[in-house]
PDB file of N, CA and C in Angstrom:
ATOM      1  N   UNK A   1       9.701   9.780   8.127  1.00  0.00           N
ATOM      2  CA  UNK A   1       8.726  10.427   7.194  1.00  0.00           C
ATOM      3  C   UNK A   1       7.776  11.353   7.885  1.00  0.00           C
ATOM      4  N   UNK A   2       7.403  12.404   7.233  1.00  0.00           N
ATOM      5  CA  UNK A   2       6.507  13.396   7.913  1.00  0.00           C
ATOM      6  C   UNK A   2       5.136  13.391   7.244  1.00  0.00           C
ATOM      7  N   UNK A   3       4.441  12.319   7.229  1.00  0.00           N
ATOM      8  CA  UNK A   3       3.052  12.320   6.632  1.00  0.00           C
ATOM      9  C   UNK A   3       2.158  11.548   7.607  1.00  0.00           C
ATOM     10  N   UNK A   4       0.964  12.085   7.876  1.00  0.00           N
ATOM     11  CA  UNK A   4      -0.022  11.428   8.670  1.00  0.00           C
ATOM     12  C   UNK A   4      -1.339  11.383   7.897  1.00  0.00           C
ATOM     13  N   UNK A   5      -1.719  10.158   7.243  1.00  0.00           N
ATOM     14  CA  UNK A   5      -2.968  10.012   6.599  1.00  0.00           C
ATOM     15  C   UNK A   5      -4.243  10.469   7.522  1.00  0.00           C
ATOM     16  N   UNK A   6      -5.323  10.825   6.857  1.00  0.00           N
ATOM     17  CA  UNK A   6      -6.473  11.186   7.494  1.00  0.00           C
ATOM     18  C   UNK A   6      -7.484  10.088   7.214  1.00  0.00           C
ATOM     19  N   UNK A   7      -8.396  10.091   8.186  1.00  0.00           N
ATOM     20  CA  UNK A   7      -9.619   9.144   8.210  1.00  0.00           C
ATOM     21  C   UNK A   7      -9.226   7.716   7.977  1.00  0.00           C
ATOM     22  N   UNK A   8      -9.741   7.086   6.919  1.00  0.00           N
ATOM     23  CA  UNK A   8      -9.353   5.632   6.747  1.00  0.00           C
ATOM     24  C   UNK A   8      -8.352   5.429   5.585  1.00  0.00           C
ATOM     25  N   UNK A   9      -7.487   6.297   5.389  1.00  0.00           N
ATOM     26  CA  UNK A   9      -6.480   6.161   4.292  1.00  0.00           C
ATOM     27  C   UNK A   9      -5.145   5.598   4.968  1.00  0.00           C
ATOM     28  N   UNK A  10      -4.401   4.937   4.144  1.00  0.00           N
ATOM     29  CA  UNK A  10      -3.124   4.453   4.501  1.00  0.00           C
ATOM     30  C   UNK A  10      -2.003   4.710   3.448  1.00  0.00           C
ATOM     31  N   UNK A  11      -0.750   4.769   3.807  1.00  0.00           N
ATOM     32  CA  UNK A  11       0.295   5.020   3.017  1.00  0.00           C
ATOM     33  C   UNK A  11       1.031   3.796   2.787  1.00  0.00           C
ATOM     34  N   UNK A  12       1.335   3.326   1.574  1.00  0.00           N
ATOM     35  CA  UNK A  12       1.858   2.092   1.276  1.00  0.00           C
ATOM     36  C   UNK A  12       3.099   2.144   0.390  1.00  0.00           C
ATOM     37  N   UNK A  13       4.296   1.652   0.698  1.00  0.00           N
ATOM     38  CA  UNK A  13       5.501   1.635  -0.027  1.00  0.00           C
ATOM     39  C   UNK A  13       5.428   0.307  -0.854  1.00  0.00           C
ATOM     40  N   UNK A  14       5.475   0.390  -2.132  1.00  0.00           N
ATOM     41  CA  UNK A  14       5.487  -0.930  -3.025  1.00  0.00           C
ATOM     42  C   UNK A  14       6.870  -1.658  -2.680  1.00  0.00           C
ATOM     43  N   UNK A  15       6.816  -2.990  -2.752  1.00  0.00           N
ATOM     44  CA  UNK A  15       7.912  -3.879  -2.454  1.00  0.00           C
ATOM     45  C   UNK A  15       8.528  -4.037  -3.821  1.00  0.00           C
ATOM     46  N   UNK A  16       9.853  -4.367  -3.816  1.00  0.00           N
ATOM     47  CA  UNK A  16      10.607  -4.489  -5.119  1.00  0.00           C
ATOM     48  C   UNK A  16      10.203  -5.854  -5.763  1.00  0.00           C
ATOM     49  N   UNK A  17      10.169  -5.666  -7.040  1.00  0.00           N
ATOM     50  CA  UNK A  17       9.707  -6.957  -7.880  1.00  0.00           C
ATOM     51  C   UNK A  17      10.934  -7.700  -8.228  1.00  0.00           C
ATOM     52  N   UNK A  18      10.783  -9.011  -8.502  1.00  0.00           N
ATOM     53  CA  UNK A  18      11.893  -9.860  -8.736  1.00  0.00           C
ATOM     54  C   UNK A  18      12.492  -9.486 -10.099  1.00  0.00           C
ATOM     55  N   UNK A  19      13.824  -9.565 -10.129  1.00  0.00           N
ATOM     56  CA  UNK A  19      14.556  -9.217 -11.352  1.00  0.00           C
ATOM     57  C   UNK A  19      14.612 -10.337 -12.412  1.00  0.00           C
ATOM     58  N   UNK A  20      14.372 -11.646 -11.853  1.00  0.00           N
ATOM     59  CA  UNK A  20      14.457 -12.918 -12.614  1.00  0.00           C
ATOM     60  C   UNK A  20      13.182 -13.663 -12.426  1.00  0.00           C
ATOM     61  N   UNK A  21      12.889 -14.465 -13.450  1.00  0.00           N
ATOM     62  CA  UNK A  21      11.840 -15.418 -13.318  1.00  0.00           C
ATOM     63  C   UNK A  21      12.363 -16.663 -12.646  1.00  0.00           C
ATOM     64  N   UNK A  22      11.558 -17.599 -12.284  1.00  0.00           N
ATOM     65  CA  UNK A  22      11.971 -18.904 -11.618  1.00  0.00           C
ATOM     66  C   UNK A  22      12.922 -19.572 -12.438  1.00  0.00           C
ATOM     67  N   UNK A  23      12.756 -19.490 -13.891  1.00  0.00           N
ATOM     68  CA  UNK A  23      13.534 -20.156 -14.730  1.00  0.00           C
ATOM     69  C   UNK A  23      14.825 -19.469 -15.090  1.00  0.00           C
ATOM     70  N   UNK A  24      15.067 -18.348 -14.440  1.00  0.00           N
ATOM     71  CA  UNK A  24      16.464 -17.735 -14.653  1.00  0.00           C
ATOM     72  C   UNK A  24      16.419 -16.643 -15.767  1.00  0.00           C
ATOM     73  N   UNK A  25      15.353 -16.317 -16.345  1.00  0.00           N
ATOM     74  CA  UNK A  25      15.179 -15.384 -17.481  1.00  0.00           C
ATOM     75  C   UNK A  25      15.203 -13.939 -16.654  1.00  0.00           C
ATOM     76  N   UNK A  26      16.123 -12.978 -17.171  1.00  0.00           N
ATOM     77  CA  UNK A  26      16.098 -11.587 -16.540  1.00  0.00           C
ATOM     78  C   UNK A  26      15.007 -10.861 -17.239  1.00  0.00           C
ATOM     79  N   UNK A  27      14.254 -10.178 -16.376  1.00  0.00           N
ATOM     80  CA  UNK A  27      13.132  -9.317 -16.945  1.00  0.00           C
ATOM     81  C   UNK A  27      13.667  -7.742 -17.141  1.00  0.00           C
ATOM     82  N   UNK A  28      13.641  -7.175 -18.390  1.00  0.00           N
ATOM     83  CA  UNK A  28      13.988  -5.808 -18.485  1.00  0.00           C
ATOM     84  C   UNK A  28      12.961  -4.865 -17.755  1.00  0.00           C
ATOM     85  N   UNK A  29      13.473  -3.747 -17.438  1.00  0.00           N
ATOM     86  CA  UNK A  29      12.607  -2.724 -16.828  1.00  0.00           C
ATOM     87  C   UNK A  29      11.455  -2.358 -17.582  1.00  0.00           C
ATOM     88  N   UNK A  30      11.488  -2.316 -18.987  1.00  0.00           N
ATOM     89  CA  UNK A  30      10.214  -2.065 -19.750  1.00  0.00           C
ATOM     90  C   UNK A  30       9.233  -3.073 -19.761  1.00  0.00           C
ATOM     91  N   UNK A  31       9.487  -4.338 -19.337  1.00  0.00           N
ATOM     92  CA  UNK A  31       8.600  -5.379 -19.389  1.00  0.00           C
ATOM     93  C   UNK A  31       8.005  -5.571 -17.940  1.00  0.00           C
ATOM     94  N   UNK A  32       8.490  -5.022 -16.837  1.00  0.00           N
ATOM     95  CA  UNK A  32       7.984  -5.105 -15.563  1.00  0.00           C
ATOM     96  C   UNK A  32       6.729  -4.451 -15.364  1.00  0.00           C
ATOM     97  N   UNK A  33       5.850  -5.165 -14.623  1.00  0.00           N
ATOM     98  CA  UNK A  33       4.606  -4.423 -14.043  1.00  0.00           C
ATOM     99  C   UNK A  33       4.959  -3.969 -12.718  1.00  0.00           C
ATOM    100  N   UNK A  34       4.190  -2.945 -12.389  1.00  0.00           N
ATOM    101  CA  UNK A  34       4.288  -2.376 -10.984  1.00  0.00           C
ATOM    102  C   UNK A  34       3.722  -3.477 -10.053  1.00  0.00           C
ATOM    103  N   UNK A  35       4.419  -3.780  -8.994  1.00  0.00           N
ATOM    104  CA  UNK A  35       3.807  -4.746  -8.025  1.00  0.00           C
ATOM    105  C   UNK A  35       2.662  -4.194  -7.347  1.00  0.00           C
ATOM    106  N   UNK A  36       1.597  -5.167  -7.156  1.00  0.00           N
ATOM    107  CA  UNK A  36       0.396  -4.804  -6.354  1.00  0.00           C
ATOM    108  C   UNK A  36       0.615  -5.233  -5.071  1.00  0.00           C
ATOM    109  N   UNK A  37       1.769  -5.268  -4.432  1.00  0.00           N
ATOM    110  CA  UNK A  37       1.932  -5.737  -3.093  1.00  0.00           C
ATOM    111  C   UNK A  37       2.884  -4.556  -2.371  1.00  0.00           C
ATOM    112  N   UNK A  38       2.574  -4.259  -1.098  1.00  0.00           N
ATOM    113  CA  UNK A  38       3.330  -3.279  -0.484  1.00  0.00           C
ATOM    114  C   UNK A  38       3.373  -3.302   1.037  1.00  0.00           C
ATOM    115  N   UNK A  39       4.114  -2.448   1.696  1.00  0.00           N
ATOM    116  CA  UNK A  39       4.343  -2.444   3.128  1.00  0.00           C
ATOM    117  C   UNK A  39       3.544  -1.178   3.538  1.00  0.00           C
ATOM    118  N   UNK A  40       2.784  -1.295   4.584  1.00  0.00           N
ATOM    119  CA  UNK A  40       2.153  -0.145   5.111  1.00  0.00           C
ATOM    120  C   UNK A  40       3.053   0.739   5.950  1.00  0.00           C
ATOM    121  N   UNK A  41       3.230   2.005   5.739  1.00  0.00           N
ATOM    122  CA  UNK A  41       4.264   2.831   6.482  1.00  0.00           C
ATOM    123  C   UNK A  41       3.498   3.770   7.344  1.00  0.00           C
ATOM    124  N   UNK A  42       2.166   4.121   7.044  1.00  0.00           N
ATOM    125  CA  UNK A  42       1.373   5.041   7.818  1.00  0.00           C
ATOM    126  C   UNK A  42      -0.046   4.764   7.799  1.00  0.00           C
ATOM    127  N   UNK A  43      -0.826   4.872   8.822  1.00  0.00           N
ATOM    128  CA  UNK A  43      -2.204   4.537   8.906  1.00  0.00           C
ATOM    129  C   UNK A  43      -2.934   5.746   9.607  1.00  0.00           C
ATOM    130  N   UNK A  44      -4.111   6.117   8.959  1.00  0.00           N
ATOM    131  CA  UNK A  44      -5.014   7.136   9.463  1.00  0.00           C
ATOM    132  C   UNK A  44      -5.668   6.536  10.815  1.00  0.00           C
ATOM    133  N   UNK A  45      -6.437   7.427  11.594  1.00  0.00           N
ATOM    134  CA  UNK A  45      -7.094   7.086  12.728  1.00  0.00           C
ATOM    135  C   UNK A  45      -8.387   6.198  12.578  1.00  0.00           C
ATOM    136  N   UNK A  46      -8.964   6.338  11.411  1.00  0.00           N
ATOM    137  CA  UNK A  46     -10.128   5.570  11.186  1.00  0.00           C
ATOM    138  C   UNK A  46     -11.207   6.601  10.669  1.00  0.00           C
ATOM    139  N   UNK A  47     -12.409   6.030  10.291  1.00  0.00           N
ATOM    140  CA  UNK A  47     -13.411   6.882   9.773  1.00  0.00           C
ATOM    141  C   UNK A  47     -14.632   6.760  10.652  1.00  0.00           C
ATOM    142  N   UNK A  48     -15.212   7.898  10.879  1.00  0.00           N
ATOM    143  CA  UNK A  48     -16.534   7.991  11.775  1.00  0.00           C
ATOM    144  C   UNK A  48     -17.814   7.523  11.067  1.00  0.00           C
ATOM    145  N   UNK A  49     -18.522   6.772  11.735  1.00  0.00           N
ATOM    146  CA  UNK A  49     -19.790   6.355  11.255  1.00  0.00           C
ATOM    147  C   UNK A  49     -20.881   7.417  11.494  1.00  0.00           C
ATOM    148  N   UNK A  50     -22.023   7.081  11.004  1.00  0.00           N
ATOM    149  CA  UNK A  50     -23.240   7.899  11.185  1.00  0.00           C
ATOM    150  C   UNK A  50     -23.405   8.487  12.605  1.00  0.00           C
ATOM    151  N   UNK A  51     -23.035   7.773  13.637  1.00  0.00           N
ATOM    152  CA  UNK A  51     -23.173   8.151  15.019  1.00  0.00           C
ATOM    153  C   UNK A  51     -21.938   9.021  15.469  1.00  0.00           C
ATOM    154  N   UNK A  52     -21.006   9.164  14.637  1.00  0.00           N
ATOM    155  CA  UNK A  52     -19.780   9.984  15.164  1.00  0.00           C
ATOM    156  C   UNK A  52     -18.780   9.106  15.786  1.00  0.00           C
ATOM    157  N   UNK A  53     -18.982   7.765  15.840  1.00  0.00           N
ATOM    158  CA  UNK A  53     -17.951   6.872  16.502  1.00  0.00           C
ATOM    159  C   UNK A  53     -16.921   6.486  15.398  1.00  0.00           C
ATOM    160  N   UNK A  54     -15.596   6.689  15.808  1.00  0.00           N
ATOM    161  CA  UNK A  54     -14.532   6.411  14.860  1.00  0.00           C
ATOM    162  C   UNK A  54     -14.265   4.920  15.011  1.00  0.00           C
ATOM    163  N   UNK A  55     -14.405   4.323  13.842  1.00  0.00           N
ATOM    164  CA  UNK A  55     -13.931   2.867  13.817  1.00  0.00           C
ATOM    165  C   UNK A  55     -12.459   2.703  13.306  1.00  0.00           C
ATOM    166  N   UNK A  56     -11.609   2.005  14.197  1.00  0.00           N
ATOM    167  CA  UNK A  56     -10.220   1.938  13.842  1.00  0.00           C
ATOM    168  C   UNK A  56      -9.977   0.979  12.645  1.00  0.00           C
ATOM    169  N   UNK A  57      -8.913   1.074  12.014  1.00  0.00           N
ATOM    170  CA  UNK A  57      -8.639   0.291  10.774  1.00  0.00           C
ATOM    171  C   UNK A  57      -8.252  -1.117  11.173  1.00  0.00           C
ATOM    172  N   UNK A  58      -8.480  -2.021  10.219  1.00  0.00           N
ATOM    173  CA  UNK A  58      -7.859  -3.472  10.392  1.00  0.00           C
ATOM    174  C   UNK A  58      -6.497  -3.498  10.002  1.00  0.00           C
ATOM    175  N   UNK A  59      -6.015  -2.501   9.193  1.00  0.00           N
ATOM    176  CA  UNK A  59      -4.636  -2.589   8.672  1.00  0.00           C
ATOM    177  C   UNK A  59      -3.757  -1.653   9.717  1.00  0.00           C
ATOM    178  N   UNK A  60      -2.547  -2.138  10.015  1.00  0.00           N
ATOM    179  CA  UNK A  60      -1.751  -1.453  10.962  1.00  0.00           C
ATOM    180  C   UNK A  60      -0.294  -1.276  10.282  1.00  0.00           C
ATOM    181  N   UNK A  61       0.539  -0.337  10.763  1.00  0.00           N
ATOM    182  CA  UNK A  61       1.939  -0.038  10.317  1.00  0.00           C
ATOM    183  C   UNK A  61       2.721  -1.357  10.303  1.00  0.00           C
ATOM    184  N   UNK A  62       3.336  -1.683   9.092  1.00  0.00           N
ATOM    185  CA  UNK A  62       4.139  -2.893   8.963  1.00  0.00           C
ATOM    186  C   UNK A  62       3.631  -3.925   8.288  1.00  0.00           C
ATOM    187  N   UNK A  63       2.277  -4.077   8.209  1.00  0.00           N
ATOM    188  CA  UNK A  63       1.618  -5.105   7.452  1.00  0.00           C
ATOM    189  C   UNK A  63       1.970  -5.007   5.871  1.00  0.00           C
ATOM    190  N   UNK A  64       1.977  -6.232   5.348  1.00  0.00           N
ATOM    191  CA  UNK A  64       2.120  -6.388   3.872  1.00  0.00           C
ATOM    192  C   UNK A  64       0.845  -6.546   3.269  1.00  0.00           C
ATOM    193  N   UNK A  65       0.419  -5.861   2.326  1.00  0.00           N
ATOM    194  CA  UNK A  65      -0.950  -5.803   1.819  1.00  0.00           C
ATOM    195  C   UNK A  65      -0.904  -6.037   0.321  1.00  0.00           C
ATOM    196  N   UNK A  66      -1.946  -6.534  -0.263  1.00  0.00           N
ATOM    197  CA  UNK A  66      -2.358  -6.638  -1.614  1.00  0.00           C
ATOM    198  C   UNK A  66      -3.259  -5.603  -2.025  1.00  0.00           C
ATOM    199  N   UNK A  67      -3.127  -4.895  -3.123  1.00  0.00           N
ATOM    200  CA  UNK A  67      -4.117  -3.899  -3.588  1.00  0.00           C
ATOM    201  C   UNK A  67      -4.303  -4.038  -5.242  1.00  0.00           C
ATOM    202  N   UNK A  68      -5.334  -3.460  -5.614  1.00  0.00           N
ATOM    203  CA  UNK A  68      -5.580  -3.360  -6.971  1.00  0.00           C
ATOM    204  C   UNK A  68      -4.516  -2.735  -7.797  1.00  0.00           C
ATOM    205  N   UNK A  69      -4.448  -3.006  -9.141  1.00  0.00           N
ATOM    206  CA  UNK A  69      -3.510  -2.470 -10.079  1.00  0.00           C
ATOM    207  C   UNK A  69      -3.552  -0.992 -10.277  1.00  0.00           C
ATOM    208  N   UNK A  70      -4.737  -0.362 -10.309  1.00  0.00           N
ATOM    209  CA  UNK A  70      -5.016   0.945 -10.571  1.00  0.00           C
ATOM    210  C   UNK A  70      -5.600   1.613  -9.274  1.00  0.00           C
ATOM    211  N   UNK A  71      -5.369   1.208  -8.063  1.00  0.00           N
ATOM    212  CA  UNK A  71      -5.876   1.650  -6.947  1.00  0.00           C
ATOM    213  C   UNK A  71      -5.016   2.836  -6.324  1.00  0.00           C
ATOM    214  N   UNK A  72      -5.671   3.756  -5.695  1.00  0.00           N
ATOM    215  CA  UNK A  72      -5.021   4.793  -4.943  1.00  0.00           C
ATOM    216  C   UNK A  72      -4.417   5.873  -5.773  1.00  0.00           C
ATOM    217  N   UNK A  73      -3.583   6.666  -5.128  1.00  0.00           N
ATOM    218  CA  UNK A  73      -2.886   7.877  -5.696  1.00  0.00           C
ATOM    219  C   UNK A  73      -1.425   7.731  -5.436  1.00  0.00           C
ATOM    220  N   UNK A  74      -0.647   7.887  -6.499  1.00  0.00           N
ATOM    221  CA  UNK A  74       0.753   7.695  -6.316  1.00  0.00           C
ATOM    222  C   UNK A  74       1.376   9.024  -5.878  1.00  0.00           C
ATOM    223  N   UNK A  75       2.274   8.989  -4.970  1.00  0.00           N
ATOM    224  CA  UNK A  75       2.917  10.244  -4.405  1.00  0.00           C
ATOM    225  C   UNK A  75       4.481   9.721  -4.308  1.00  0.00           C
ATOM    226  N   UNK A  76       5.435  10.699  -4.252  1.00  0.00           N
ATOM    227  CA  UNK A  76       6.774  10.542  -4.026  1.00  0.00           C
ATOM    228  C   UNK A  76       7.073  11.262  -2.649  1.00  0.00           C
ATOM    229  N   UNK A  77       7.726  10.561  -1.674  1.00  0.00           N
ATOM    230  CA  UNK A  77       8.006  11.056  -0.462  1.00  0.00           C
ATOM    231  C   UNK A  77       9.537  10.584  -0.242  1.00  0.00           C
ATOM    232  N   UNK A  78      10.370  11.739  -0.067  1.00  0.00           N
ATOM    233  CA  UNK A  78      11.888  11.519   0.203  1.00  0.00           C
ATOM    234  C   UNK A  78      12.488  10.726  -1.086  1.00  0.00           C
ATOM    235  N   UNK A  79      11.950  10.894  -2.177  1.00  0.00           N
ATOM    236  CA  UNK A  79      12.573  10.247  -3.359  1.00  0.00           C
ATOM    237  C   UNK A  79      12.026   8.870  -3.587  1.00  0.00           C
ATOM    238  N   UNK A  80      11.140   8.354  -2.823  1.00  0.00           N
ATOM    239  CA  UNK A  80      10.646   6.973  -2.916  1.00  0.00           C
ATOM    240  C   UNK A  80       9.127   7.055  -3.304  1.00  0.00           C
ATOM    241  N   UNK A  81       8.653   6.233  -4.201  1.00  0.00           N
ATOM    242  CA  UNK A  81       7.333   6.315  -4.610  1.00  0.00           C
ATOM    243  C   UNK A  81       6.406   5.499  -3.589  1.00  0.00           C
ATOM    244  N   UNK A  82       5.347   6.135  -3.162  1.00  0.00           N
ATOM    245  CA  UNK A  82       4.358   5.517  -2.271  1.00  0.00           C
ATOM    246  C   UNK A  82       2.979   5.641  -2.821  1.00  0.00           C
ATOM    247  N   UNK A  83       2.049   4.960  -2.277  1.00  0.00           N
ATOM    248  CA  UNK A  83       0.523   5.041  -2.707  1.00  0.00           C
ATOM    249  C   UNK A  83      -0.158   5.355  -1.552  1.00  0.00           C
ATOM    250  N   UNK A  84      -1.148   6.253  -1.646  1.00  0.00           N
ATOM    251  CA  UNK A  84      -2.175   6.593  -0.731  1.00  0.00           C
ATOM    252  C   UNK A  84      -3.475   5.747  -1.009  1.00  0.00           C
ATOM    253  N   UNK A  85      -4.019   4.926  -0.051  1.00  0.00           N
ATOM    254  CA  UNK A  85      -5.194   4.139  -0.426  1.00  0.00           C
ATOM    255  C   UNK A  85      -5.989   4.288   0.582  1.00  0.00           C
ATOM    256  N   UNK A  86      -7.452   3.965   0.283  1.00  0.00           N
ATOM    257  CA  UNK A  86      -8.367   4.013   1.401  1.00  0.00           C
ATOM    258  C   UNK A  86      -8.438   2.481   1.825  1.00  0.00           C
ATOM    259  N   UNK A  87      -8.764   2.241   3.108  1.00  0.00           N
ATOM    260  CA  UNK A  87      -8.816   0.807   3.532  1.00  0.00           C
ATOM    261  C   UNK A  87      -9.556  -0.145   2.662  1.00  0.00           C
ATOM    262  N   UNK A  88     -10.689   0.361   2.148  1.00  0.00           N
ATOM    263  CA  UNK A  88     -11.588  -0.662   1.296  1.00  0.00           C
ATOM    264  C   UNK A  88     -10.930  -0.974  -0.022  1.00  0.00           C
ATOM    265  N   UNK A  89      -9.817  -0.247  -0.482  1.00  0.00           N
ATOM    266  CA  UNK A  89      -8.984  -0.549  -1.628  1.00  0.00           C
ATOM    267  C   UNK A  89      -8.074  -1.768  -1.449  1.00  0.00           C
ATOM    268  N   UNK A  90      -7.742  -2.030  -0.207  1.00  0.00           N
ATOM    269  CA  UNK A  90      -6.842  -3.137   0.209  1.00  0.00           C
ATOM    270  C   UNK A  90      -7.692  -4.414   0.011  1.00  0.00           C
ATOM    271  N   UNK A  91      -6.997  -5.198  -0.805  1.00  0.00           N
ATOM    272  CA  UNK A  91      -7.616  -6.536  -1.118  1.00  0.00           C
ATOM    273  C   UNK A  91      -7.400  -7.658  -0.119  1.00  0.00           C
ATOM    274  N   UNK A  92      -6.204  -7.547   0.516  1.00  0.00           N
ATOM    275  CA  UNK A  92      -5.943  -8.572   1.729  1.00  0.00           C
ATOM    276  C   UNK A  92      -4.649  -8.244   2.332  1.00  0.00           C
ATOM    277  N   UNK A  93      -4.433  -8.761   3.517  1.00  0.00           N
ATOM    278  CA  UNK A  93      -3.145  -8.773   4.260  1.00  0.00           C
ATOM    279  C   UNK A  93      -2.485  -9.927   4.236  1.00  0.00           C
ATOM    280  N   UNK A  94      -1.221  -9.996   3.850  1.00  0.00           N
ATOM    281  CA  UNK A  94      -0.379 -11.059   3.730  1.00  0.00           C
ATOM    282  C   UNK A  94       0.168 -11.561   5.094  1.00  0.00           C
ATOM    283  N   UNK A  95      -0.238 -12.757   5.560  1.00  0.00           N
ATOM    284  CA  UNK A  95       0.243 -13.245   6.866  1.00  0.00           C
ATOM    285  C   UNK A  95       1.544 -13.802   6.772  1.00  0.00           C
ATOM    286  N   UNK A  96       2.323 -13.670   7.725  1.00  0.00           N
ATOM    287  CA  UNK A  96       3.796 -14.285   7.869  1.00  0.00           C
ATOM    288  C   UNK A  96       3.810 -15.586   8.314  1.00  0.00           C
TER     289      UNK A  96
END
């Protein structure tokens, strides 16, 4: 991919949502919600504070993150939907 986010922005690819519930019911596409979980594919260098010192981000490439339902800006890269978020829009990092 040929994208490099600026400042405190990150690029996230949504993870695929489950097709079935735990009870075995198949969920149609029209009833699915967009997942609020994704994998970080690119990270900006960080944002400069008032003194000009750049603070690196806590999120790194490869992390799985949770974000708000209406957070960020959706874009399409190489036919795949991605979201560009600010670091402060990330709700949490999923530990493995």
